Amino acid sequence: MKKSILITFLAISIAFTFSACSNSTTTTPAVNSNSGEKVTYTCSMHPEVQADKQGDCPKCGMALVKMESADTTHNNSDTMQMH
C-alpha cells in the first residue's frame, strides 16, 4: 500500500515538473503601438542575435529582450552635474 502511494506521488511530481518546463512562448507584434516604430529583440549575452519578435536565443536559450532605440539609451542621470 505504501509503495503504490509513493509511486503515485512520484509520478504526479514528475508530471508537474515536466509541465512546468514546457517551452511555450507568446508572440507579440513587431510594431510598437505607441510610436509605430519597428521593435527589435536581442540576446543580452549575444548582441549580434536580433529578431523582430520575442523568443529564445538560438545560441544560449536565454529570452530575447527588447532593444531600446538610440535616443532612449542615454539617461540624463549619468551625466548629472552638481552646481
N, C-alpha and C. Protein backbone atom coordinates (compact mmCIF):
# COMPACT_ATOMS: atom_id res chain seq x y z
N MET A 1 0.82 -1.19 0.00
CA MET A 1 0.00 0.00 0.00
C MET A 1 0.87 1.25 0.00
N LYS A 2 1.86 1.31 0.89
CA LYS A 2 2.74 2.46 0.95
C LYS A 2 3.54 2.61 -0.35
N LYS A 3 3.90 1.50 -0.93
CA LYS A 3 4.68 1.52 -2.15
C LYS A 3 3.87 2.11 -3.31
N SER A 4 2.60 1.78 -3.42
CA SER A 4 1.77 2.31 -4.50
C SER A 4 1.50 3.81 -4.30
N ILE A 5 1.36 4.24 -3.05
CA ILE A 5 1.16 5.67 -2.78
C ILE A 5 2.42 6.45 -3.15
N LEU A 6 3.57 5.89 -2.81
CA LEU A 6 4.84 6.52 -3.13
C LEU A 6 5.03 6.62 -4.65
N ILE A 7 4.72 5.57 -5.37
CA ILE A 7 4.86 5.57 -6.83
C ILE A 7 3.91 6.58 -7.45
N THR A 8 2.68 6.64 -6.95
CA THR A 8 1.71 7.62 -7.47
C THR A 8 2.19 9.04 -7.20
N PHE A 9 2.69 9.31 -6.01
CA PHE A 9 3.20 10.63 -5.66
C PHE A 9 4.37 11.02 -6.56
N LEU A 10 5.30 10.09 -6.79
CA LEU A 10 6.44 10.37 -7.66
C LEU A 10 6.00 10.63 -9.10
N ALA A 11 5.04 9.88 -9.59
CA ALA A 11 4.55 10.06 -10.96
C ALA A 11 3.90 11.44 -11.12
N ILE A 12 3.12 11.85 -10.13
CA ILE A 12 2.48 13.18 -10.19
C ILE A 12 3.54 14.27 -10.11
N SER A 13 4.55 14.09 -9.27
CA SER A 13 5.62 15.08 -9.14
C SER A 13 6.38 15.24 -10.45
N ILE A 14 6.68 14.14 -11.09
CA ILE A 14 7.40 14.18 -12.36
C ILE A 14 6.54 14.84 -13.43
N ALA A 15 5.25 14.54 -13.45
CA ALA A 15 4.36 15.15 -14.43
C ALA A 15 4.31 16.67 -14.26
N PHE A 16 4.21 17.14 -13.01
CA PHE A 16 4.21 18.59 -12.76
C PHE A 16 5.54 19.23 -13.15
N THR A 17 6.64 18.53 -12.91
CA THR A 17 7.95 19.06 -13.26
C THR A 17 8.07 19.25 -14.76
N PHE A 18 7.66 18.28 -15.54
CA PHE A 18 7.77 18.39 -16.98
C PHE A 18 6.79 19.41 -17.55
N SER A 19 5.62 19.53 -16.95
CA SER A 19 4.67 20.52 -17.46
C SER A 19 5.13 21.93 -17.16
N ALA A 20 5.86 22.13 -16.06
CA ALA A 20 6.39 23.45 -15.73
C ALA A 20 7.54 23.83 -16.64
N CYS A 21 8.19 22.87 -17.23
CA CYS A 21 9.35 23.13 -18.08
C CYS A 21 8.98 23.24 -19.56
N SER A 22 7.71 23.31 -19.87
CA SER A 22 7.34 23.40 -21.28
C SER A 22 7.86 24.69 -21.87
N ASN A 23 8.26 24.65 -23.11
CA ASN A 23 8.91 25.78 -23.76
C ASN A 23 7.91 26.53 -24.63
N SER A 24 6.86 27.07 -24.03
CA SER A 24 5.88 27.82 -24.80
C SER A 24 6.18 29.30 -24.70
N THR A 25 6.11 29.98 -25.83
CA THR A 25 6.33 31.42 -25.85
C THR A 25 5.15 32.09 -26.53
N THR A 26 4.85 33.26 -26.09
CA THR A 26 3.80 34.03 -26.74
C THR A 26 4.46 35.03 -27.66
N THR A 27 3.83 35.25 -28.78
CA THR A 27 4.39 36.20 -29.73
C THR A 27 3.70 37.54 -29.58
N THR A 28 4.48 38.56 -29.78
CA THR A 28 3.94 39.91 -29.74
C THR A 28 4.19 40.57 -31.08
N PRO A 29 3.40 41.54 -31.43
CA PRO A 29 3.61 42.20 -32.71
C PRO A 29 4.96 42.90 -32.76
N ALA A 30 5.53 42.99 -33.95
CA ALA A 30 6.84 43.59 -34.11
C ALA A 30 6.78 45.11 -34.19
N VAL A 31 5.61 45.68 -34.12
CA VAL A 31 5.48 47.12 -34.20
C VAL A 31 4.99 47.65 -32.87
N ASN A 32 5.68 48.66 -32.38
CA ASN A 32 5.28 49.30 -31.13
C ASN A 32 4.03 50.12 -31.40
N SER A 33 2.95 49.87 -30.68
CA SER A 33 1.68 50.53 -30.95
C SER A 33 1.72 52.01 -30.60
N ASN A 34 2.63 52.43 -29.72
CA ASN A 34 2.68 53.83 -29.33
C ASN A 34 3.28 54.73 -30.40
N SER A 35 4.37 54.32 -31.00
CA SER A 35 5.07 55.21 -31.92
C SER A 35 5.10 54.69 -33.35
N GLY A 36 4.69 53.47 -33.59
CA GLY A 36 4.71 52.92 -34.94
C GLY A 36 6.09 52.46 -35.38
N GLU A 37 7.08 52.49 -34.48
CA GLU A 37 8.42 52.05 -34.83
C GLU A 37 8.53 50.54 -34.77
N LYS A 38 9.42 49.99 -35.55
CA LYS A 38 9.67 48.56 -35.52
C LYS A 38 10.46 48.21 -34.27
N VAL A 39 10.06 47.16 -33.58
CA VAL A 39 10.72 46.73 -32.35
C VAL A 39 11.67 45.60 -32.69
N THR A 40 12.87 45.66 -32.13
CA THR A 40 13.86 44.62 -32.34
C THR A 40 14.22 44.00 -31.00
N TYR A 41 14.32 42.68 -30.97
CA TYR A 41 14.67 41.95 -29.76
C TYR A 41 16.06 41.36 -29.94
N THR A 42 16.84 41.33 -28.85
CA THR A 42 18.20 40.81 -28.91
C THR A 42 18.51 40.02 -27.65
N CYS A 43 19.57 39.24 -27.71
CA CYS A 43 20.03 38.48 -26.55
C CYS A 43 21.00 39.35 -25.76
N SER A 44 20.85 39.36 -24.45
CA SER A 44 21.75 40.17 -23.64
C SER A 44 23.17 39.60 -23.60
N MET A 45 23.32 38.32 -23.87
CA MET A 45 24.65 37.71 -23.91
C MET A 45 25.25 37.72 -25.32
N HIS A 46 24.39 37.73 -26.34
CA HIS A 46 24.84 37.69 -27.73
C HIS A 46 24.16 38.81 -28.50
N PRO A 47 24.68 40.05 -28.42
CA PRO A 47 24.01 41.19 -29.06
C PRO A 47 23.92 41.08 -30.58
N GLU A 48 24.69 40.19 -31.17
CA GLU A 48 24.60 40.02 -32.62
C GLU A 48 23.33 39.27 -33.03
N VAL A 49 22.70 38.58 -32.08
CA VAL A 49 21.44 37.88 -32.34
C VAL A 49 20.31 38.90 -32.23
N GLN A 50 19.59 39.11 -33.33
CA GLN A 50 18.49 40.05 -33.35
C GLN A 50 17.29 39.42 -34.04
N ALA A 51 16.09 39.75 -33.53
CA ALA A 51 14.86 39.21 -34.10
C ALA A 51 13.78 40.27 -34.04
N ASP A 52 12.75 40.11 -34.86
CA ASP A 52 11.65 41.08 -34.86
C ASP A 52 10.51 40.67 -33.94
N LYS A 53 10.67 39.53 -33.22
CA LYS A 53 9.66 39.10 -32.26
C LYS A 53 10.35 38.44 -31.07
N GLN A 54 9.62 38.35 -29.96
CA GLN A 54 10.19 37.73 -28.78
C GLN A 54 10.41 36.25 -29.01
N GLY A 55 11.34 35.70 -28.28
CA GLY A 55 11.64 34.28 -28.38
C GLY A 55 12.87 33.97 -27.56
N ASP A 56 13.57 32.91 -27.91
CA ASP A 56 14.76 32.50 -27.20
C ASP A 56 15.97 32.61 -28.12
N CYS A 57 17.12 32.91 -27.52
CA CYS A 57 18.37 32.99 -28.27
C CYS A 57 18.73 31.61 -28.78
N PRO A 58 19.05 31.49 -30.07
CA PRO A 58 19.41 30.17 -30.61
C PRO A 58 20.77 29.68 -30.10
N LYS A 59 21.60 30.58 -29.57
CA LYS A 59 22.92 30.18 -29.09
C LYS A 59 22.89 29.69 -27.65
N CYS A 60 22.17 30.42 -26.77
CA CYS A 60 22.22 30.07 -25.35
C CYS A 60 20.85 29.75 -24.74
N GLY A 61 19.77 30.06 -25.45
CA GLY A 61 18.44 29.74 -24.95
C GLY A 61 17.83 30.79 -24.04
N MET A 62 18.56 31.90 -23.78
CA MET A 62 18.00 32.96 -22.94
C MET A 62 16.90 33.69 -23.70
N ALA A 63 15.99 34.29 -22.96
CA ALA A 63 14.90 35.05 -23.58
C ALA A 63 15.46 36.31 -24.22
N LEU A 64 14.96 36.60 -25.42
CA LEU A 64 15.37 37.83 -26.10
C LEU A 64 14.68 39.01 -25.43
N VAL A 65 15.40 40.12 -25.32
CA VAL A 65 14.86 41.32 -24.69
C VAL A 65 14.74 42.42 -25.72
N LYS A 66 13.82 43.34 -25.46
CA LYS A 66 13.54 44.43 -26.37
C LYS A 66 14.72 45.41 -26.39
N MET A 67 15.19 45.75 -27.59
CA MET A 67 16.24 46.75 -27.73
C MET A 67 15.63 48.13 -27.63
N GLU A 68 16.32 49.02 -26.95
CA GLU A 68 15.85 50.40 -26.90
C GLU A 68 16.46 51.16 -28.06
N SER A 69 15.72 52.14 -28.54
CA SER A 69 16.23 52.94 -29.65
C SER A 69 17.39 53.79 -29.17
N ALA A 70 18.18 54.29 -30.08
CA ALA A 70 19.40 55.02 -29.74
C ALA A 70 19.13 56.27 -28.92
N ASP A 71 17.99 56.94 -29.12
CA ASP A 71 17.73 58.17 -28.39
C ASP A 71 17.25 57.94 -26.97
N THR A 72 16.87 56.72 -26.60
CA THR A 72 16.40 56.47 -25.24
C THR A 72 17.42 55.71 -24.41
N THR A 73 18.57 55.36 -24.98
CA THR A 73 19.55 54.59 -24.23
C THR A 73 20.38 55.47 -23.30
N HIS A 74 20.46 56.75 -23.56
CA HIS A 74 21.25 57.64 -22.71
C HIS A 74 20.34 58.25 -21.65
N ASN A 75 20.69 58.00 -20.41
CA ASN A 75 19.90 58.50 -19.30
C ASN A 75 20.61 59.73 -18.75
N ASN A 76 19.88 60.80 -18.53
CA ASN A 76 20.49 62.04 -18.05
C ASN A 76 21.02 61.92 -16.64
N SER A 77 20.61 60.94 -15.87
CA SER A 77 21.10 60.80 -14.51
C SER A 77 22.57 60.46 -14.46
N ASP A 78 23.12 59.86 -15.54
CA ASP A 78 24.54 59.54 -15.57
C ASP A 78 25.39 60.79 -15.75
N THR A 79 24.86 61.80 -16.38
CA THR A 79 25.63 62.99 -16.68
C THR A 79 25.24 64.17 -15.81
N MET A 80 24.51 63.92 -14.75
CA MET A 80 24.06 65.00 -13.90
C MET A 80 25.27 65.63 -13.18
N GLN A 81 25.27 66.94 -13.19
CA GLN A 81 26.39 67.66 -12.56
C GLN A 81 25.89 68.40 -11.33
N MET A 82 26.74 68.50 -10.34
CA MET A 82 26.39 69.26 -9.14
C MET A 82 26.76 70.72 -9.35
N HIS A 83 25.89 71.59 -8.93
CA HIS A 83 26.15 73.03 -9.08
C HIS A 83 26.49 73.65 -7.77
